[in-house]
Amino acid sequence: MQFICYPKCSTCQKAKKWLDEHNIQYTERHIAEENPSYDELEDWYKKSGLPLKRFFNTSGLVYRDLQLKDKLPSMSEEEQLKLLAGNGMLVKRPLVVDGETVLVGFKETEWTERLK
């Protein structure tokens, strides 16, 4: 299982603590140092069943600076994936990827259902 996070992010810290408390094994990946590739993001998006917009860190500075709130609706899926692959700080975190399981963001109830 991959735990993709930004170590300074408080939500990522809570998620990591939760994984540790539940003795769930994972490999940690720093999203800014090792940004997910286009192919990884496309694969995770398809496996997740979530809308692609959920993969965007909508509260982040980069999202706001690029005014993506207004631009995303008119962008193609390919353009959105390229944008995400180009800057790890645009990607919603934490992400947990394990086979067919892809979790975006930390919601304790969802993680409990899907990971235990």
Protein backbone atom coordinates (compact mmCIF):
# COMPACT_ATOMS: atom_id res chain seq x y z
CA MET A 1 0.00 0.00 0.00
CA GLN A 2 1.20 3.47 -0.89
CA PHE A 3 0.48 6.40 1.39
CA ILE A 4 0.98 9.53 -0.70
CA CYS A 5 1.18 12.65 1.41
CA TYR A 6 2.69 16.03 2.11
CA PRO A 7 4.38 15.65 5.53
CA LYS A 8 3.63 19.24 6.64
CA CYS A 9 -0.10 18.80 5.96
CA SER A 10 -2.07 18.37 9.22
CA THR A 11 -4.63 16.10 7.55
CA CYS A 12 -1.83 13.88 6.24
CA GLN A 13 -0.35 13.75 9.74
CA LYS A 14 -3.73 12.64 11.17
CA ALA A 15 -4.06 10.00 8.45
CA LYS A 16 -0.56 8.67 9.08
CA LYS A 17 -1.26 8.47 12.81
CA TRP A 18 -4.48 6.56 12.05
CA LEU A 19 -2.63 4.07 9.83
CA ASP A 20 0.03 3.55 12.50
CA GLU A 21 -2.57 3.11 15.28
CA HIS A 22 -4.33 0.45 13.19
CA ASN A 23 -1.07 -1.34 12.36
CA ILE A 24 -1.59 -0.92 8.64
CA GLN A 25 1.62 -1.37 6.65
CA TYR A 26 2.37 1.25 4.00
CA THR A 27 5.11 2.87 1.98
CA GLU A 28 5.18 6.65 2.41
CA ARG A 29 5.63 8.84 -0.66
CA HIS A 30 6.22 12.60 -0.44
CA ILE A 31 3.91 14.09 -3.07
CA ALA A 32 6.01 17.19 -3.75
CA GLU A 33 9.24 15.21 -4.17
CA GLU A 34 7.74 12.34 -6.15
CA ASN A 35 4.73 13.71 -7.97
CA PRO A 36 2.28 11.13 -9.33
CA SER A 37 2.64 10.61 -13.07
CA TYR A 38 -0.09 11.10 -15.64
CA ASP A 39 -0.47 7.31 -16.00
CA GLU A 40 -0.67 6.77 -12.23
CA LEU A 41 -3.27 9.51 -11.83
CA GLU A 42 -5.34 8.20 -14.73
CA ASP A 43 -5.25 4.67 -13.27
CA TRP A 44 -6.16 5.84 -9.76
CA TYR A 45 -8.95 8.06 -11.08
CA LYS A 46 -10.52 5.17 -12.99
CA LYS A 47 -10.19 2.73 -10.06
CA SER A 48 -11.58 5.23 -7.54
CA GLY A 49 -14.94 5.77 -9.24
CA LEU A 50 -14.71 9.40 -8.13
CA PRO A 51 -15.12 12.50 -10.28
CA LEU A 52 -11.72 13.81 -11.42
CA LYS A 53 -12.35 17.11 -9.59
CA ARG A 54 -12.01 15.19 -6.28
CA PHE A 55 -8.30 14.67 -7.08
CA PHE A 56 -7.68 18.43 -6.98
CA ASN A 57 -6.54 20.15 -3.78
CA THR A 58 -9.19 22.85 -4.06
CA SER A 59 -8.04 24.60 -0.88
CA GLY A 60 -4.43 24.92 -2.00
CA LEU A 61 -2.63 28.05 -3.10
CA VAL A 62 -1.68 26.68 -6.53
CA TYR A 63 -5.34 25.83 -7.26
CA ARG A 64 -6.36 29.39 -6.37
CA ASP A 65 -3.41 31.04 -8.14
CA LEU A 66 -4.28 29.22 -11.37
CA GLN A 67 -7.98 30.12 -10.93
CA LEU A 68 -8.92 26.51 -11.55
CA LYS A 69 -12.36 26.88 -9.99
CA ASP A 70 -13.40 28.71 -13.15
CA LYS A 71 -11.24 26.77 -15.62
CA LEU A 72 -11.76 23.10 -14.64
CA PRO A 73 -15.32 22.73 -15.94
CA SER A 74 -14.22 23.56 -19.50
CA MET A 75 -11.02 21.48 -19.43
CA SER A 76 -10.81 17.99 -20.89
CA GLU A 77 -9.99 14.99 -18.72
CA GLU A 78 -6.57 14.80 -20.41
CA GLU A 79 -5.84 18.48 -19.66
CA GLN A 80 -6.84 18.02 -16.02
CA LEU A 81 -4.66 14.91 -15.61
CA LYS A 82 -1.69 16.72 -17.20
CA LEU A 83 -2.17 19.60 -14.77
CA LEU A 84 -2.26 17.23 -11.79
CA ALA A 85 0.81 15.34 -13.03
CA GLY A 86 2.67 18.62 -13.44
CA ASN A 87 2.41 19.78 -9.82
CA GLY A 88 2.04 17.54 -6.77
CA MET A 89 0.69 20.43 -4.73
CA LEU A 90 -2.43 20.42 -6.92
CA VAL A 91 -3.24 16.84 -5.93
CA LYS A 92 -5.65 16.24 -3.04
CA ARG A 93 -3.95 14.41 -0.23
CA PRO A 94 -3.46 12.11 1.43
CA LEU A 95 -3.95 9.36 -1.12
CA VAL A 96 -3.96 5.68 -0.30
CA VAL A 97 -3.44 3.29 -3.20
CA ASP A 98 -3.57 -0.45 -2.71
CA GLY A 99 -4.44 -2.63 -5.69
CA GLU A 100 -7.99 -1.69 -6.62
CA THR A 101 -8.49 0.55 -3.56
CA VAL A 102 -7.93 4.28 -4.01
CA LEU A 103 -8.81 6.70 -1.21
CA VAL A 104 -8.56 10.45 -1.72
CA GLY A 105 -8.43 12.68 1.34
CA PHE A 106 -8.80 11.44 4.91
CA LYS A 107 -12.24 10.47 6.12
CA GLU A 108 -11.85 8.18 9.12
CA THR A 109 -15.15 6.33 8.61
CA GLU A 110 -14.37 5.61 4.95
CA TRP A 111 -10.82 4.48 5.78
CA THR A 112 -12.15 2.20 8.55
CA GLU A 113 -14.62 0.58 6.13
CA ARG A 114 -12.19 0.17 3.24
CA LEU A 115 -8.86 -0.60 4.95
CA LYS A 116 -9.65 -2.79 7.95
